Amino acid sequence: MVNFKIPTGLQMHDLRVEAGLTQKQVEEKTGISYSVISNLENGSNARIKAYRYLLEFYEGYKKS
């Protein structure tokens, strides 16, 4: 079993901001609607698949 900590909505927001992206830009690059991204960042219910995809997407923007 893989054990990992799922970031909070605020942490997801911070990852996006750190990547220098708007919610609309993330939507264009991932195909996940900005409303789903907004819901994730605000702690609303969202699809776990989208959540995991965004985590992987943001990981690609991490600075070395």
N, C-alpha and C. Protein backbone atom coordinates (compact mmCIF):
# COMPACT_ATOMS: atom_id res chain seq x y z
N MET A 1 0.84 -1.18 0.00
CA MET A 1 0.00 0.00 0.00
C MET A 1 0.88 1.24 0.00
N VAL A 2 0.59 2.16 -0.89
CA VAL A 2 1.34 3.40 -0.97
C VAL A 2 0.80 4.37 0.06
N ASN A 3 1.70 4.96 0.82
CA ASN A 3 1.31 5.90 1.85
C ASN A 3 1.80 7.29 1.45
N PHE A 4 0.89 8.20 1.19
CA PHE A 4 1.27 9.56 0.86
C PHE A 4 0.25 10.53 1.45
N LYS A 5 0.72 11.74 1.66
CA LYS A 5 -0.14 12.77 2.23
C LYS A 5 -0.76 13.59 1.10
N ILE A 6 -2.07 13.72 1.10
CA ILE A 6 -2.76 14.50 0.08
C ILE A 6 -2.75 15.96 0.53
N PRO A 7 -2.26 16.85 -0.34
CA PRO A 7 -2.23 18.27 0.02
C PRO A 7 -3.63 18.84 0.21
N THR A 8 -3.71 19.86 1.03
CA THR A 8 -4.97 20.57 1.23
C THR A 8 -5.26 21.44 0.01
N GLY A 9 -6.46 21.98 -0.06
CA GLY A 9 -6.82 22.89 -1.15
C GLY A 9 -5.89 24.09 -1.20
N LEU A 10 -5.56 24.62 -0.04
CA LEU A 10 -4.66 25.78 0.02
C LEU A 10 -3.28 25.41 -0.53
N GLN A 11 -2.82 24.22 -0.19
CA GLN A 11 -1.52 23.78 -0.71
C GLN A 11 -1.58 23.59 -2.23
N MET A 12 -2.72 23.10 -2.74
CA MET A 12 -2.89 22.97 -4.20
C MET A 12 -2.85 24.35 -4.84
N HIS A 13 -3.49 25.32 -4.21
CA HIS A 13 -3.46 26.70 -4.69
C HIS A 13 -2.02 27.20 -4.74
N ASP A 14 -1.29 26.97 -3.67
CA ASP A 14 0.10 27.42 -3.60
C ASP A 14 0.96 26.77 -4.68
N LEU A 15 0.73 25.49 -4.97
CA LEU A 15 1.47 24.80 -6.03
C LEU A 15 1.21 25.46 -7.39
N ARG A 16 -0.06 25.80 -7.64
CA ARG A 16 -0.41 26.45 -8.90
C ARG A 16 0.23 27.82 -9.01
N VAL A 17 0.15 28.60 -7.95
CA VAL A 17 0.73 29.94 -7.94
C VAL A 17 2.25 29.87 -8.11
N GLU A 18 2.88 28.92 -7.42
CA GLU A 18 4.33 28.73 -7.53
C GLU A 18 4.73 28.39 -8.97
N ALA A 19 3.85 27.66 -9.67
CA ALA A 19 4.10 27.32 -11.07
C ALA A 19 3.86 28.51 -11.99
N GLY A 20 3.30 29.60 -11.43
CA GLY A 20 3.06 30.81 -12.22
C GLY A 20 1.88 30.67 -13.17
N LEU A 21 0.87 29.90 -12.77
CA LEU A 21 -0.26 29.62 -13.65
C LEU A 21 -1.56 30.12 -13.05
N THR A 22 -2.47 30.54 -13.93
CA THR A 22 -3.84 30.84 -13.52
C THR A 22 -4.66 29.56 -13.62
N GLN A 23 -5.82 29.57 -13.01
CA GLN A 23 -6.70 28.40 -13.12
C GLN A 23 -7.07 28.15 -14.58
N LYS A 24 -7.29 29.21 -15.34
CA LYS A 24 -7.64 29.08 -16.75
C LYS A 24 -6.49 28.45 -17.54
N GLN A 25 -5.26 28.83 -17.24
CA GLN A 25 -4.11 28.24 -17.92
C GLN A 25 -3.99 26.76 -17.61
N VAL A 26 -4.24 26.40 -16.36
CA VAL A 26 -4.19 24.98 -15.98
C VAL A 26 -5.28 24.22 -16.73
N GLU A 27 -6.46 24.83 -16.84
CA GLU A 27 -7.55 24.21 -17.60
C GLU A 27 -7.11 23.94 -19.04
N GLU A 28 -6.49 24.92 -19.67
CA GLU A 28 -6.05 24.77 -21.06
C GLU A 28 -4.99 23.69 -21.21
N LYS A 29 -4.12 23.56 -20.23
CA LYS A 29 -3.01 22.60 -20.31
C LYS A 29 -3.41 21.19 -19.89
N THR A 30 -4.44 21.05 -19.04
CA THR A 30 -4.80 19.74 -18.51
C THR A 30 -6.14 19.22 -19.00
N GLY A 31 -7.02 20.11 -19.44
CA GLY A 31 -8.36 19.69 -19.82
C GLY A 31 -9.31 19.59 -18.63
N ILE A 32 -8.83 19.92 -17.44
CA ILE A 32 -9.67 19.93 -16.25
C ILE A 32 -10.25 21.33 -16.10
N SER A 33 -11.57 21.43 -16.02
CA SER A 33 -12.20 22.74 -16.00
C SER A 33 -11.72 23.57 -14.82
N TYR A 34 -11.65 24.87 -15.04
CA TYR A 34 -11.20 25.76 -13.97
C TYR A 34 -12.14 25.71 -12.78
N SER A 35 -13.41 25.37 -13.01
CA SER A 35 -14.34 25.28 -11.88
C SER A 35 -13.99 24.09 -10.98
N VAL A 36 -13.52 22.98 -11.56
CA VAL A 36 -13.08 21.84 -10.75
C VAL A 36 -11.82 22.23 -9.99
N ILE A 37 -10.90 22.92 -10.67
CA ILE A 37 -9.66 23.36 -10.02
C ILE A 37 -9.99 24.30 -8.86
N SER A 38 -10.92 25.22 -9.10
CA SER A 38 -11.34 26.15 -8.05
C SER A 38 -11.95 25.39 -6.88
N ASN A 39 -12.80 24.40 -7.18
CA ASN A 39 -13.40 23.61 -6.11
C ASN A 39 -12.35 22.87 -5.29
N LEU A 40 -11.34 22.33 -5.98
CA LEU A 40 -10.25 21.65 -5.27
C LEU A 40 -9.54 22.61 -4.33
N GLU A 41 -9.21 23.77 -4.85
CA GLU A 41 -8.46 24.75 -4.06
C GLU A 41 -9.27 25.31 -2.90
N ASN A 42 -10.59 25.34 -3.05
CA ASN A 42 -11.46 25.87 -2.00
C ASN A 42 -11.97 24.81 -1.05
N GLY A 43 -11.53 23.57 -1.25
CA GLY A 43 -11.91 22.49 -0.35
C GLY A 43 -13.27 21.88 -0.64
N SER A 44 -13.88 22.22 -1.77
CA SER A 44 -15.17 21.63 -2.13
C SER A 44 -14.96 20.21 -2.64
N ASN A 45 -16.03 19.46 -2.72
CA ASN A 45 -15.93 18.11 -3.25
C ASN A 45 -15.45 18.16 -4.70
N ALA A 46 -14.57 17.27 -5.05
CA ALA A 46 -14.05 17.21 -6.42
C ALA A 46 -13.68 15.78 -6.74
N ARG A 47 -13.49 15.53 -7.97
CA ARG A 47 -13.13 14.19 -8.42
C ARG A 47 -11.68 13.88 -8.07
N ILE A 48 -11.47 12.77 -7.43
CA ILE A 48 -10.13 12.37 -7.00
C ILE A 48 -9.21 12.17 -8.19
N LYS A 49 -9.75 11.74 -9.33
CA LYS A 49 -8.95 11.55 -10.52
C LYS A 49 -8.33 12.88 -10.96
N ALA A 50 -9.14 13.92 -10.96
CA ALA A 50 -8.66 15.24 -11.33
C ALA A 50 -7.62 15.72 -10.33
N TYR A 51 -7.84 15.44 -9.07
CA TYR A 51 -6.93 15.85 -8.01
C TYR A 51 -5.55 15.22 -8.22
N ARG A 52 -5.55 13.91 -8.46
CA ARG A 52 -4.28 13.21 -8.68
C ARG A 52 -3.58 13.70 -9.94
N TYR A 53 -4.35 13.94 -10.99
CA TYR A 53 -3.77 14.42 -12.24
C TYR A 53 -3.10 15.78 -12.02
N LEU A 54 -3.76 16.66 -11.28
CA LEU A 54 -3.19 17.97 -10.99
C LEU A 54 -1.91 17.86 -10.17
N LEU A 55 -1.89 16.95 -9.21
CA LEU A 55 -0.67 16.75 -8.42
C LEU A 55 0.50 16.38 -9.33
N GLU A 56 0.27 15.47 -10.25
CA GLU A 56 1.32 15.08 -11.19
C GLU A 56 1.69 16.23 -12.11
N PHE A 57 0.71 16.98 -12.55
CA PHE A 57 0.95 18.12 -13.43
C PHE A 57 1.82 19.17 -12.73
N TYR A 58 1.47 19.53 -11.51
CA TYR A 58 2.22 20.54 -10.76
C TYR A 58 3.64 20.05 -10.45
N GLU A 59 3.77 18.76 -10.24
CA GLU A 59 5.10 18.20 -9.96
C GLU A 59 6.06 18.52 -11.11
N GLY A 60 5.54 18.56 -12.32
CA GLY A 60 6.36 18.89 -13.49
C GLY A 60 6.84 20.33 -13.49
N TYR A 61 6.19 21.19 -12.72
CA TYR A 61 6.57 22.61 -12.67
C TYR A 61 7.44 22.94 -11.47
N LYS A 62 7.72 21.95 -10.62
CA LYS A 62 8.55 22.21 -9.44
C LYS A 62 9.94 22.67 -9.86
N LYS A 63 10.43 23.62 -9.13
CA LYS A 63 11.77 24.15 -9.40
C LYS A 63 12.81 23.27 -8.74
N SER A 64 13.88 23.03 -9.45
CA SER A 64 14.96 22.17 -8.92
C SER A 64 15.73 22.88 -7.83
